[in-house]
């Protein structure tokens, strides 16, 4: 699948944003979804996913988009300034059966998104210093 952010904003240039979105998607593994590698290209995300039979592609897309948007707004309150109406993802999506293409090629394509789009990701995650522990 491939999801684009609304208005094509480059929201995935910080590692904390990528981690939040990835973790939100991975939360669906408890419902039977199977994910491979994620590829973030600044304004969009590519990922191969195996959707359980009890969900249609449309239902899966809706579930993934709504939950990941909710988590992005919860973990990063500044997104409310950019998206005041809570619409994080655009209406565009792309999905294709991997039966039509080689799965290994698809995974390589997902992994290469940062290089393809010349995106530099800033690692803004909090670092823990071992010498300064609270006692």
Protein backbone atom coordinates (compact mmCIF):
# COMPACT_ATOMS: atom_id res chain seq x y z
CA UNK A 1 0.00 0.00 0.00
CA UNK A 2 0.98 3.62 -0.32
CA UNK A 3 -0.52 6.52 1.63
CA UNK A 4 0.16 10.21 0.98
CA UNK A 5 -0.15 13.00 3.51
CA UNK A 6 -2.80 15.62 2.90
CA UNK A 7 -1.57 18.57 0.81
CA UNK A 8 1.62 16.57 0.16
CA UNK A 9 3.35 18.01 3.24
CA UNK A 10 6.74 16.50 4.07
CA UNK A 11 5.79 15.21 7.51
CA UNK A 12 8.19 12.28 7.61
CA UNK A 13 11.51 14.07 7.91
CA UNK A 14 11.88 13.40 11.64
CA UNK A 15 12.59 9.96 13.03
CA UNK A 16 10.05 10.43 15.84
CA UNK A 17 7.27 10.96 13.27
CA UNK A 18 8.34 7.87 11.34
CA UNK A 19 8.46 5.80 14.53
CA UNK A 20 4.99 6.94 15.62
CA UNK A 21 3.46 6.05 12.27
CA UNK A 22 5.27 2.72 12.06
CA UNK A 23 4.21 1.76 15.60
CA UNK A 24 0.61 2.71 14.83
CA UNK A 25 0.62 0.41 11.81
CA UNK A 26 2.34 -2.37 13.75
CA UNK A 27 -0.44 -2.22 16.39
CA UNK A 28 -2.64 -3.94 13.79
CA UNK A 29 -0.50 -7.08 13.88
CA UNK A 30 -2.64 -8.27 16.81
CA UNK A 31 -5.60 -8.34 14.37
CA UNK A 32 -3.73 -10.54 11.91
CA UNK A 33 -2.14 -7.89 9.66
CA UNK A 34 1.36 -8.80 8.51
CA UNK A 35 3.76 -5.98 7.64
CA UNK A 36 7.17 -6.04 6.00
CA UNK A 37 9.49 -3.04 5.68
CA UNK A 38 8.18 0.51 5.66
CA UNK A 39 9.54 3.13 3.27
CA UNK A 40 9.00 6.80 4.10
CA UNK A 41 9.53 9.25 1.27
CA UNK A 42 8.96 12.56 3.03
CA UNK A 43 5.30 13.01 2.15
CA UNK A 44 4.22 9.39 1.79
CA UNK A 45 4.76 5.87 3.06
CA UNK A 46 5.07 2.59 1.13
CA UNK A 47 4.60 -0.75 2.84
CA UNK A 48 3.75 -4.30 1.87
CA UNK A 49 0.94 -5.63 4.04
CA UNK A 50 -0.92 -8.91 4.17
CA UNK A 51 -4.53 -8.07 5.09
CA UNK A 52 -6.59 -10.75 6.86
CA UNK A 53 -9.47 -12.17 4.79
CA UNK A 54 -12.13 -10.84 7.14
CA UNK A 55 -11.25 -7.25 6.15
CA UNK A 56 -11.70 -5.74 2.72
CA UNK A 57 -8.92 -3.57 1.32
CA UNK A 58 -11.14 -0.51 1.82
CA UNK A 59 -11.78 -1.39 5.48
CA UNK A 60 -8.09 -2.07 6.10
CA UNK A 61 -7.11 1.23 4.50
CA UNK A 62 -9.66 3.13 6.59
CA UNK A 63 -8.54 1.42 9.81
CA UNK A 64 -4.84 2.02 9.14
CA UNK A 65 -5.29 5.65 8.13
CA UNK A 66 -7.62 6.63 10.97
CA UNK A 67 -5.61 4.98 13.75
CA UNK A 68 -2.23 6.20 12.50
CA UNK A 69 -3.59 9.76 12.15
CA UNK A 70 -4.98 9.58 15.69
CA UNK A 71 -1.61 8.47 17.03
CA UNK A 72 0.26 11.17 15.09
CA UNK A 73 -1.97 13.88 16.58
CA UNK A 74 -1.68 12.41 20.10
CA UNK A 75 2.09 12.01 20.06
CA UNK A 76 2.89 15.22 18.14
CA UNK A 77 0.43 18.00 19.12
CA UNK A 78 2.11 20.43 16.70
CA UNK A 79 0.43 18.59 13.82
CA UNK A 80 -2.85 20.27 14.82
CA UNK A 81 -1.41 23.54 13.52
CA UNK A 82 -0.75 22.06 10.11
CA UNK A 83 -3.91 19.94 10.03
CA UNK A 84 -6.57 21.85 12.03
CA UNK A 85 -9.40 19.65 10.71
CA UNK A 86 -7.65 16.42 11.74
CA UNK A 87 -7.24 15.13 8.18
CA UNK A 88 -3.69 13.78 8.16
CA UNK A 89 -3.87 11.43 5.16
CA UNK A 90 -5.05 12.42 1.70
CA UNK A 91 -7.77 10.47 -0.06
CA UNK A 92 -5.19 8.96 -2.41
CA UNK A 93 -4.05 5.41 -1.90
CA UNK A 94 -2.34 2.83 -4.01
CA UNK A 95 -2.52 -0.89 -3.52
CA UNK A 96 -1.39 -3.68 -5.76
CA UNK A 97 -1.26 -7.41 -5.34
CA UNK A 98 2.27 -8.72 -5.01
CA UNK A 99 1.21 -11.57 -7.28
CA UNK A 100 1.69 -9.13 -10.16
CA UNK A 101 5.18 -8.08 -9.08
CA UNK A 102 8.05 -9.75 -7.29
CA UNK A 103 7.83 -9.38 -3.49
CA UNK A 104 11.58 -8.92 -3.13
CA UNK A 105 11.55 -6.08 -5.67
CA UNK A 106 8.66 -4.48 -3.82
CA UNK A 107 10.55 -4.60 -0.51
CA UNK A 108 13.68 -3.12 -2.10
CA UNK A 109 11.53 -0.35 -3.57
CA UNK A 110 10.04 0.39 -0.13
CA UNK A 111 13.48 0.50 1.51
CA UNK A 112 14.84 2.92 -1.11
CA UNK A 113 12.28 5.70 -0.61
CA UNK A 114 14.58 8.07 1.27
CA UNK A 115 17.24 7.80 -1.42
CA UNK A 116 14.74 8.03 -4.29
CA UNK A 117 13.24 11.24 -2.93
CA UNK A 118 16.47 12.68 -1.48
CA UNK A 119 14.95 12.89 1.99
CA UNK A 120 17.22 13.51 4.95
CA UNK A 121 15.69 12.22 8.18
CA UNK A 122 16.62 14.03 11.38
CA UNK A 123 16.97 11.75 14.39
CA UNK A 124 15.09 13.81 16.97
CA UNK A 125 14.40 11.01 19.42
CA UNK A 126 15.35 11.69 23.01
CA UNK A 127 18.73 10.27 23.90
CA UNK A 128 19.42 8.92 27.37
CA UNK A 129 22.70 9.86 28.98
CA UNK A 130 23.98 7.04 31.22
CA UNK A 131 25.84 9.36 33.63
CA UNK A 132 22.76 11.39 34.63
CA UNK A 133 20.37 9.03 36.34
CA UNK A 134 17.85 10.19 38.89
CA UNK A 135 18.55 8.84 42.34
